[in-house]
Amino acid sequence: MSSHSATIMAQVTTTSSTVSTRTSTAAASNPTSLADGFYLVVYNQPNFTGPSHNYSKMGLYNIGFDADSYIWQPWDSGCCVRFCSKAKNVGYRCTSKTYQANASVPFDRVITECDGVPSPESCDEVFSHARFCRLLLTSSRSIAPNVVVL
């Protein structure tokens, strides 16, 4: 890096309106790419149905719909996922593989992190941007492509 100061900006990803529909959990539980050693798939409807999105990199993601079911597979990554609904914390998962067919509260944002459990405050967008920028500077893991370093 040059002697000039660097500006770092974390961009929150809002998933595009083009989504896939899955009705089987087999494909979701056997991903082909694991950038940070974990895998998360969220579904728009209960019982792993409806439009879905897959995540395997650290990041802060606006899902683009209210998710009602999910699969979390952390393997031995040491990574965690925080679930948010309307900027409020609704829970997290870390070490155990979870097939949640009917979430207790629908969620619209997930935060994946491999340096501990994302804090409940991470659900607040302003707090998340500042914290995620710090992660960019200190993490040795790859960061999701939605992060732009200027």
Foldseek 3Di string as FASTA:
>chain_A
DDPDDWDWWFFEAEDDPDFDWDQDCPDQVDDPDAQQQKKKKFAQAFQRTHTIDIDRFFDKYQDNHFTFWMWIGRDPRQKKKWFAAPLFTDDIDGDDTDGGRGDPGTGGMMGMDNPDYDDRNCSHPVVVRVVVRVCVVPPPGDHDPSTDID
